[in-house]
């Protein structure tokens, strides 16, 4: 264990031990946060999904590398405003992955009422086109988002009864 390897003077002083543990926890928190990203599934009212081109030219879902010191919802809202110029609150749908080399992906979803003015870097795809055009990772994330959306609508219908 890590604490068993510490010198005696560390374990004798509670204040030094507390300070080292806080420092270690902060280091781990920064390390975890730097290996995280967020993917945003933006849907129009008619169900079309927003996709943007990657540097290689393939279409992908909008994503962002997360900054450890800024709250995740704030970063995702900023991405949504940047893409659509429309204010909407994205909802956390799922957390995909585990801390490690690949990192964790926070999956957010947002629905906007109407498509903003089209720009050259945006593509609105219907569900079938998204399944053909996007990579396997993005397809899986859309399926997760869709499953959670269907589950929420089913729950809300049951509550109305």
Protein backbone atom coordinates (compact mmCIF):
# COMPACT_ATOMS: atom_id res chain seq x y z
CA UNK A 1 0.00 0.00 0.00
CA UNK A 2 1.16 3.53 -0.71
CA UNK A 3 0.87 4.76 2.91
CA UNK A 4 2.98 1.88 4.25
CA UNK A 5 5.92 3.06 2.15
CA UNK A 6 5.90 6.61 3.53
CA UNK A 7 8.68 7.67 5.92
CA UNK A 8 7.84 7.74 9.63
CA UNK A 9 7.81 11.54 9.90
CA UNK A 10 4.86 11.69 7.50
CA UNK A 11 2.74 9.29 9.49
CA UNK A 12 3.58 10.98 12.80
CA UNK A 13 2.32 14.40 11.79
CA UNK A 14 -1.44 14.53 11.12
CA UNK A 15 -1.24 17.96 9.48
CA UNK A 16 1.50 16.86 7.04
CA UNK A 17 -0.37 13.64 6.31
CA UNK A 18 -3.62 15.56 5.63
CA UNK A 19 -1.85 18.03 3.34
CA UNK A 20 -0.20 15.23 1.35
CA UNK A 21 -3.47 13.34 1.01
CA UNK A 22 -5.23 16.52 -0.23
CA UNK A 23 -2.44 17.13 -2.73
CA UNK A 24 -2.63 13.52 -3.91
CA UNK A 25 -6.41 13.70 -4.32
CA UNK A 26 -6.13 16.96 -6.28
CA UNK A 27 -3.55 15.35 -8.55
CA UNK A 28 -5.82 12.36 -9.19
CA UNK A 29 -8.79 14.65 -9.87
CA UNK A 30 -6.82 16.61 -12.48
CA UNK A 31 -5.50 13.40 -14.02
CA UNK A 32 -9.03 11.97 -14.37
CA UNK A 33 -10.43 15.20 -15.78
CA UNK A 34 -7.78 15.50 -18.46
CA UNK A 35 -8.80 12.11 -19.81
CA UNK A 36 -12.43 13.06 -20.30
CA UNK A 37 -14.48 14.45 -23.13
CA UNK A 38 -18.10 15.26 -23.73
CA UNK A 39 -20.16 14.35 -26.78
CA UNK A 40 -23.28 16.32 -27.59
CA UNK A 41 -26.25 14.86 -29.47
CA UNK A 42 -28.24 17.84 -30.76
CA UNK A 43 -31.67 17.02 -32.16
CA UNK A 44 -34.10 19.20 -34.00
CA UNK A 45 -37.79 18.97 -33.23
CA UNK A 46 -38.25 16.59 -36.17
CA UNK A 47 -35.56 14.20 -34.85
CA UNK A 48 -32.67 15.11 -37.14
CA UNK A 49 -29.21 14.98 -35.55
CA UNK A 50 -26.44 17.55 -35.89
CA UNK A 51 -23.13 16.24 -37.26
CA UNK A 52 -19.94 18.14 -38.00
CA UNK A 53 -17.01 17.16 -40.20
CA UNK A 54 -13.86 15.83 -38.57
CA UNK A 55 -10.40 16.94 -39.74
CA UNK A 56 -10.31 13.83 -41.93
CA UNK A 57 -13.58 14.82 -43.61
CA UNK A 58 -15.83 12.17 -42.03
CA UNK A 59 -18.92 13.26 -40.16
CA UNK A 60 -18.98 12.99 -36.38
CA UNK A 61 -20.98 14.16 -33.41
CA UNK A 62 -19.83 17.41 -31.80
CA UNK A 63 -17.43 16.79 -28.93
CA UNK A 64 -15.17 18.73 -26.61
CA UNK A 65 -12.09 17.91 -24.54
CA UNK A 66 -12.98 18.82 -20.98
CA UNK A 67 -11.09 21.27 -18.82
CA UNK A 68 -10.68 20.01 -15.25
CA UNK A 69 -11.32 23.40 -13.66
CA UNK A 70 -14.54 24.38 -15.45
CA UNK A 71 -17.85 22.63 -14.66
CA UNK A 72 -18.79 20.14 -17.37
CA UNK A 73 -22.34 21.47 -17.96
CA UNK A 74 -20.92 24.97 -18.53
CA UNK A 75 -18.52 23.67 -21.17
CA UNK A 76 -21.24 21.67 -22.93
CA UNK A 77 -23.64 24.65 -22.94
CA UNK A 78 -20.87 26.76 -24.46
CA UNK A 79 -20.40 24.17 -27.22
CA UNK A 80 -24.14 24.10 -27.88
CA UNK A 81 -24.36 27.88 -28.15
CA UNK A 82 -21.31 27.93 -30.41
CA UNK A 83 -22.87 25.34 -32.73
CA UNK A 84 -26.50 26.44 -32.84
CA UNK A 85 -26.48 30.02 -31.55
CA UNK A 86 -29.53 28.96 -29.57
CA UNK A 87 -29.83 28.68 -25.81
CA UNK A 88 -30.93 25.25 -24.61
CA UNK A 89 -30.02 23.22 -21.58
CA UNK A 90 -28.27 19.98 -22.47
CA UNK A 91 -29.06 17.00 -20.25
CA UNK A 92 -26.57 14.37 -19.15
CA UNK A 93 -27.66 11.09 -20.72
CA UNK A 94 -24.88 8.68 -19.82
CA UNK A 95 -21.27 8.33 -18.77
CA UNK A 96 -19.44 5.97 -21.08
CA UNK A 97 -16.08 4.35 -20.41
CA UNK A 98 -13.82 4.09 -17.42
CA UNK A 99 -10.90 6.21 -16.24
CA UNK A 100 -7.83 5.09 -18.15
CA UNK A 101 -6.08 5.63 -21.47
CA UNK A 102 -9.32 5.98 -23.41
CA UNK A 103 -10.88 8.26 -20.83
CA UNK A 104 -14.48 8.84 -19.93
CA UNK A 105 -17.09 10.21 -22.32
CA UNK A 106 -19.95 12.25 -20.91
CA UNK A 107 -22.90 11.95 -23.29
CA UNK A 108 -25.19 14.97 -23.35
CA UNK A 109 -28.36 15.50 -25.38
CA UNK A 110 -30.19 18.68 -26.31
CA UNK A 111 -33.27 19.37 -28.40
CA UNK A 112 -33.71 22.64 -30.22
CA UNK A 113 -36.94 23.95 -31.70
CA UNK A 114 -35.74 24.89 -35.16
CA UNK A 115 -32.53 24.59 -37.09
CA UNK A 116 -30.49 27.78 -37.04
CA UNK A 117 -29.11 29.33 -40.19
CA UNK A 118 -27.20 26.61 -41.95
CA UNK A 119 -23.44 26.96 -42.02
CA UNK A 120 -20.87 25.14 -44.08
CA UNK A 121 -19.58 23.09 -41.13
CA UNK A 122 -22.93 21.63 -40.01
CA UNK A 123 -24.99 18.76 -41.35
CA UNK A 124 -28.42 17.81 -40.06
CA UNK A 125 -28.96 14.10 -40.62
CA UNK A 126 -32.09 12.03 -40.22
CA UNK A 127 -31.77 8.84 -38.18
CA UNK A 128 -31.12 6.58 -41.19
CA UNK A 129 -28.50 8.88 -42.69
CA UNK A 130 -26.78 9.20 -39.32
CA UNK A 131 -26.54 5.41 -39.07
CA UNK A 132 -24.81 5.28 -42.48
CA UNK A 133 -22.63 8.38 -42.21
CA UNK A 134 -21.20 8.30 -38.69
CA UNK A 135 -18.48 6.14 -37.23
CA UNK A 136 -19.22 3.16 -34.97
CA UNK A 137 -18.53 5.10 -31.74
CA UNK A 138 -20.95 7.88 -32.71
CA UNK A 139 -23.60 5.37 -33.84
CA UNK A 140 -23.39 3.67 -30.45
CA UNK A 141 -23.68 7.00 -28.61
CA UNK A 142 -26.74 7.95 -30.68
CA UNK A 143 -28.32 4.58 -29.85
CA UNK A 144 -27.67 5.17 -26.13
CA UNK A 145 -29.17 8.65 -26.42
CA UNK A 146 -32.20 7.36 -28.29
CA UNK A 147 -32.77 4.55 -25.78
CA UNK A 148 -32.65 6.99 -22.86
CA UNK A 149 -34.98 9.40 -24.70
CA UNK A 150 -37.49 6.62 -25.35
CA UNK A 151 -37.24 5.48 -21.75
CA UNK A 152 -37.90 9.00 -20.44
CA UNK A 153 -40.90 9.49 -22.72
CA UNK A 154 -42.34 6.13 -21.60
CA UNK A 155 -41.91 7.10 -17.94
CA UNK A 156 -43.57 10.49 -18.48
CA UNK A 157 -46.53 8.80 -20.25
CA UNK A 158 -46.92 6.42 -17.30
CA UNK A 159 -46.88 9.33 -14.85
CA UNK A 160 -49.63 11.08 -16.80
CA UNK A 161 -51.96 8.09 -16.38
